[in-house]
Amino acid sequence: MPFLLQPWHIMLAALCGLVNQRQQQIIEFQNAQIDALLKQLGKNPVREYVEHYHAERNHQGLDNELIEPVDGPDSVAGRIECRERLGGMLKYYHRRAA
């Protein structure tokens, strides 16, 4: 039985081209979104998170102490300040030395 080109073969070839074009548009959009997010978060978001994790986050396994405590006076007076990392997703509140 010889192979005959059916009308649905032509339609299928046209649809494949449209699907491929749409996939390329989606990939380009996702890459643009990732670039914008990385620009907003900073150059190295992993390093920012590690610094927050080690120096600014209390750990329950260490009796709510910091892994690497910052040497500074523990004062009860002074203004409370907020340090934001990763575009405001991580926040650290501390009291400024009086």
N, C-alpha and C. Protein backbone atom coordinates (compact mmCIF):
# COMPACT_ATOMS: atom_id res chain seq x y z
N MET A 1 0.85 -1.17 0.00
CA MET A 1 0.00 0.00 0.00
C MET A 1 0.90 1.25 0.00
N PRO A 2 0.82 2.06 -1.01
CA PRO A 2 1.68 3.24 -1.10
C PRO A 2 1.24 4.32 -0.11
N PHE A 3 2.22 5.12 0.31
CA PHE A 3 1.94 6.20 1.26
C PHE A 3 1.33 7.37 0.50
N LEU A 4 0.16 7.78 0.89
CA LEU A 4 -0.52 8.92 0.28
C LEU A 4 -0.58 10.05 1.31
N LEU A 5 -0.33 11.24 0.86
CA LEU A 5 -0.38 12.40 1.73
C LEU A 5 -1.84 12.75 1.99
N GLN A 6 -2.23 12.69 3.21
CA GLN A 6 -3.60 12.97 3.61
C GLN A 6 -3.71 14.44 4.04
N PRO A 7 -4.89 15.03 3.99
CA PRO A 7 -5.06 16.43 4.41
C PRO A 7 -4.67 16.66 5.87
N TRP A 8 -4.89 15.68 6.74
CA TRP A 8 -4.54 15.89 8.15
C TRP A 8 -3.03 15.91 8.35
N HIS A 9 -2.25 15.33 7.41
CA HIS A 9 -0.78 15.42 7.49
C HIS A 9 -0.33 16.88 7.33
N ILE A 10 -0.97 17.58 6.42
CA ILE A 10 -0.62 18.99 6.19
C ILE A 10 -1.00 19.83 7.40
N MET A 11 -2.19 19.57 7.95
CA MET A 11 -2.62 20.32 9.13
C MET A 11 -1.71 20.04 10.33
N LEU A 12 -1.30 18.80 10.46
CA LEU A 12 -0.42 18.44 11.57
C LEU A 12 0.93 19.15 11.45
N ALA A 13 1.46 19.23 10.24
CA ALA A 13 2.74 19.92 10.03
C ALA A 13 2.60 21.41 10.37
N ALA A 14 1.48 22.03 10.00
CA ALA A 14 1.26 23.45 10.31
C ALA A 14 1.12 23.65 11.81
N LEU A 15 0.41 22.76 12.49
CA LEU A 15 0.24 22.90 13.94
C LEU A 15 1.56 22.72 14.69
N CYS A 16 2.40 21.81 14.21
CA CYS A 16 3.71 21.62 14.86
C CYS A 16 4.53 22.90 14.83
N GLY A 17 4.47 23.60 13.70
CA GLY A 17 5.20 24.87 13.60
C GLY A 17 4.67 25.89 14.58
N LEU A 18 3.35 25.97 14.74
CA LEU A 18 2.75 26.93 15.67
C LEU A 18 3.09 26.58 17.12
N VAL A 19 3.06 25.30 17.46
CA VAL A 19 3.37 24.87 18.82
C VAL A 19 4.83 25.18 19.14
N ASN A 20 5.73 24.94 18.21
CA ASN A 20 7.14 25.22 18.43
C ASN A 20 7.37 26.72 18.64
N GLN A 21 6.69 27.54 17.85
CA GLN A 21 6.82 28.99 18.01
C GLN A 21 6.32 29.42 19.39
N ARG A 22 5.20 28.88 19.82
CA ARG A 22 4.64 29.24 21.13
C ARG A 22 5.57 28.80 22.26
N GLN A 23 6.17 27.62 22.13
CA GLN A 23 7.12 27.15 23.15
C GLN A 23 8.31 28.10 23.24
N GLN A 24 8.80 28.57 22.12
CA GLN A 24 9.93 29.50 22.12
C GLN A 24 9.54 30.82 22.81
N GLN A 25 8.31 31.29 22.59
CA GLN A 25 7.87 32.52 23.25
C GLN A 25 7.79 32.33 24.76
N ILE A 26 7.30 31.18 25.20
CA ILE A 26 7.19 30.91 26.63
C ILE A 26 8.57 30.85 27.26
N ILE A 27 9.52 30.20 26.62
CA ILE A 27 10.87 30.09 27.15
C ILE A 27 11.53 31.46 27.23
N GLU A 28 11.35 32.30 26.21
CA GLU A 28 11.92 33.65 26.24
C GLU A 28 11.30 34.47 27.37
N PHE A 29 9.99 34.33 27.58
CA PHE A 29 9.32 35.06 28.66
C PHE A 29 9.85 34.62 30.02
N GLN A 30 10.00 33.30 30.21
CA GLN A 30 10.52 32.80 31.49
C GLN A 30 11.94 33.27 31.74
N ASN A 31 12.78 33.28 30.72
CA ASN A 31 14.15 33.76 30.88
C ASN A 31 14.17 35.24 31.25
N ALA A 32 13.29 36.03 30.65
CA ALA A 32 13.21 37.45 30.99
C ALA A 32 12.76 37.63 32.44
N GLN A 33 11.81 36.83 32.90
CA GLN A 33 11.35 36.93 34.28
C GLN A 33 12.45 36.54 35.26
N ILE A 34 13.20 35.51 34.94
CA ILE A 34 14.31 35.08 35.81
C ILE A 34 15.37 36.17 35.88
N ASP A 35 15.70 36.78 34.75
CA ASP A 35 16.69 37.86 34.75
C ASP A 35 16.22 39.04 35.59
N ALA A 36 14.94 39.39 35.47
CA ALA A 36 14.40 40.50 36.26
C ALA A 36 14.44 40.17 37.75
N LEU A 37 14.11 38.95 38.12
CA LEU A 37 14.13 38.55 39.52
C LEU A 37 15.55 38.57 40.08
N LEU A 38 16.51 38.06 39.32
CA LEU A 38 17.89 38.08 39.79
C LEU A 38 18.41 39.50 39.91
N LYS A 39 17.98 40.38 39.02
CA LYS A 39 18.40 41.78 39.11
C LYS A 39 17.82 42.42 40.36
N GLN A 40 16.58 42.06 40.71
CA GLN A 40 15.94 42.61 41.90
C GLN A 40 16.57 42.06 43.18
N LEU A 41 16.91 40.78 43.19
CA LEU A 41 17.44 40.16 44.40
C LEU A 41 18.91 40.46 44.63
N GLY A 42 19.62 40.82 43.63
CA GLY A 42 21.04 41.09 43.77
C GLY A 42 21.86 40.10 42.98
N LYS A 43 23.16 40.29 43.04
CA LYS A 43 24.03 39.48 42.22
C LYS A 43 24.10 38.03 42.67
N ASN A 44 24.11 37.79 43.97
CA ASN A 44 24.27 36.42 44.45
C ASN A 44 23.27 36.16 45.58
N PRO A 45 22.05 35.72 45.25
CA PRO A 45 21.05 35.51 46.30
C PRO A 45 21.41 34.39 47.27
N VAL A 46 22.18 33.40 46.82
CA VAL A 46 22.56 32.31 47.72
C VAL A 46 23.47 32.84 48.82
N ARG A 47 24.43 33.69 48.45
CA ARG A 47 25.34 34.27 49.44
C ARG A 47 24.58 35.14 50.44
N GLU A 48 23.60 35.91 49.94
CA GLU A 48 22.79 36.74 50.82
C GLU A 48 22.04 35.88 51.84
N TYR A 49 21.48 34.76 51.38
CA TYR A 49 20.73 33.89 52.28
C TYR A 49 21.65 33.25 53.32
N VAL A 50 22.84 32.82 52.91
CA VAL A 50 23.78 32.19 53.84
C VAL A 50 24.21 33.20 54.90
N GLU A 51 24.47 34.44 54.50
CA GLU A 51 24.84 35.47 55.48
C GLU A 51 23.70 35.68 56.48
N HIS A 52 22.47 35.73 56.00
CA HIS A 52 21.33 35.90 56.90
C HIS A 52 21.20 34.68 57.82
N TYR A 53 21.37 33.49 57.28
CA TYR A 53 21.21 32.26 58.05
C TYR A 53 22.23 32.17 59.17
N HIS A 54 23.46 32.54 58.90
CA HIS A 54 24.53 32.40 59.90
C HIS A 54 24.59 33.57 60.88
N ALA A 55 24.31 34.78 60.44
CA ALA A 55 24.55 35.94 61.29
C ALA A 55 23.30 36.58 61.86
N GLU A 56 22.13 36.32 61.28
CA GLU A 56 20.96 37.09 61.70
C GLU A 56 19.77 36.23 62.12
N ARG A 57 19.83 34.95 61.99
CA ARG A 57 18.68 34.09 62.27
C ARG A 57 18.90 33.30 63.54
N ASN A 58 17.93 33.34 64.46
CA ASN A 58 18.02 32.56 65.69
C ASN A 58 17.79 31.08 65.37
N HIS A 59 18.51 30.21 66.05
CA HIS A 59 18.43 28.78 65.80
C HIS A 59 17.94 28.07 67.06
N GLN A 60 16.86 27.30 66.93
CA GLN A 60 16.28 26.63 68.08
C GLN A 60 17.22 25.56 68.63
N GLY A 61 17.99 24.92 67.79
CA GLY A 61 18.92 23.89 68.25
C GLY A 61 20.07 24.46 69.05
N LEU A 62 20.28 25.77 68.97
CA LEU A 62 21.35 26.43 69.72
C LEU A 62 20.76 27.34 70.80
N ASP A 63 19.62 26.96 71.36
CA ASP A 63 18.94 27.75 72.40
C ASP A 63 18.66 29.17 71.93
N ASN A 64 18.19 29.29 70.69
CA ASN A 64 17.85 30.58 70.07
C ASN A 64 19.03 31.54 70.03
N GLU A 65 20.20 31.02 69.86
CA GLU A 65 21.40 31.84 69.69
C GLU A 65 21.77 31.89 68.21
N LEU A 66 22.59 32.87 67.87
CA LEU A 66 23.07 32.98 66.49
C LEU A 66 24.25 32.03 66.28
N ILE A 67 24.41 31.56 65.04
CA ILE A 67 25.55 30.70 64.74
C ILE A 67 26.84 31.49 64.85
N GLU A 68 26.87 32.67 64.25
CA GLU A 68 28.03 33.55 64.32
C GLU A 68 27.57 34.88 64.92
N PRO A 69 27.57 35.00 66.24
CA PRO A 69 27.07 36.24 66.84
C PRO A 69 27.95 37.43 66.48
N VAL A 70 27.31 38.55 66.29
CA VAL A 70 28.02 39.79 65.99
C VAL A 70 28.46 40.39 67.31
N ASP A 71 29.72 40.73 67.41
CA ASP A 71 30.22 41.35 68.64
C ASP A 71 29.74 42.79 68.70
N GLY A 72 28.95 43.07 69.68
CA GLY A 72 28.42 44.41 69.85
C GLY A 72 27.73 44.51 71.19
N PRO A 73 27.52 45.73 71.63
CA PRO A 73 26.86 45.91 72.93
C PRO A 73 25.40 45.50 72.85
N ASP A 74 24.94 44.75 73.85
CA ASP A 74 23.53 44.40 73.96
C ASP A 74 22.84 45.49 74.74
N SER A 75 22.26 46.43 74.05
CA SER A 75 21.62 47.54 74.74
C SER A 75 20.11 47.39 74.65
N VAL A 76 19.45 47.95 75.62
CA VAL A 76 17.99 47.96 75.62
C VAL A 76 17.48 49.33 75.22
N ALA A 77 18.38 50.26 75.00
CA ALA A 77 18.00 51.59 74.56
C ALA A 77 18.47 51.76 73.13
N GLY A 78 17.78 52.60 72.44
CA GLY A 78 18.15 52.85 71.05
C GLY A 78 16.98 52.53 70.13
N ARG A 79 17.14 52.95 68.93
CA ARG A 79 16.08 52.79 67.94
C ARG A 79 16.16 51.41 67.28
N ILE A 80 15.02 50.80 67.06
CA ILE A 80 14.98 49.50 66.38
C ILE A 80 15.04 49.73 64.88
N GLU A 81 15.93 49.02 64.23
CA GLU A 81 16.10 49.15 62.79
C GLU A 81 15.85 47.80 62.12
N CYS A 82 15.53 47.87 60.85
CA CYS A 82 15.25 46.66 60.07
C CYS A 82 16.24 46.58 58.92
N ARG A 83 16.87 45.43 58.78
CA ARG A 83 17.76 45.18 57.65
C ARG A 83 17.07 44.17 56.75
N GLU A 84 16.91 44.52 55.48
CA GLU A 84 16.24 43.64 54.52
C GLU A 84 17.25 43.02 53.59
N ARG A 85 17.01 41.76 53.26
CA ARG A 85 17.83 41.05 52.29
C ARG A 85 16.90 40.41 51.27
N LEU A 86 17.42 40.14 50.12
CA LEU A 86 16.69 39.50 49.02
C LEU A 86 15.40 40.24 48.70
N GLY A 87 15.52 41.54 48.54
CA GLY A 87 14.37 42.33 48.13
C GLY A 87 13.27 42.41 49.16
N GLY A 88 13.59 42.23 50.43
CA GLY A 88 12.61 42.32 51.50
C GLY A 88 12.03 40.99 51.92
N MET A 89 12.45 39.90 51.30
CA MET A 89 11.93 38.59 51.70
C MET A 89 12.48 38.16 53.05
N LEU A 90 13.71 38.55 53.36
CA LEU A 90 14.32 38.24 54.66
C LEU A 90 14.50 39.55 55.41
N LYS A 91 14.04 39.59 56.64
CA LYS A 91 14.15 40.80 57.45
C LYS A 91 14.82 40.46 58.77
N TYR A 92 15.65 41.38 59.23
CA TYR A 92 16.35 41.22 60.50
C TYR A 92 16.19 42.52 61.27
N TYR A 93 15.61 42.43 62.45
CA TYR A 93 15.40 43.60 63.29
C TYR A 93 16.48 43.62 64.37
N HIS A 94 17.08 44.78 64.56
CA HIS A 94 18.10 44.93 65.59
C HIS A 94 18.00 46.33 66.17
N ARG A 95 18.58 46.47 67.35
CA ARG A 95 18.55 47.75 68.02
C ARG A 95 19.88 48.45 67.83
N ARG A 96 19.81 49.69 67.36
CA ARG A 96 21.02 50.46 67.16
C ARG A 96 21.62 50.82 68.51
N ALA A 97 22.94 50.76 68.57
CA ALA A 97 23.62 51.10 69.83
C ALA A 97 23.35 52.56 70.16
N ALA A 98 23.08 52.80 71.44
CA ALA A 98 22.75 54.16 71.87
C ALA A 98 23.98 55.03 71.96
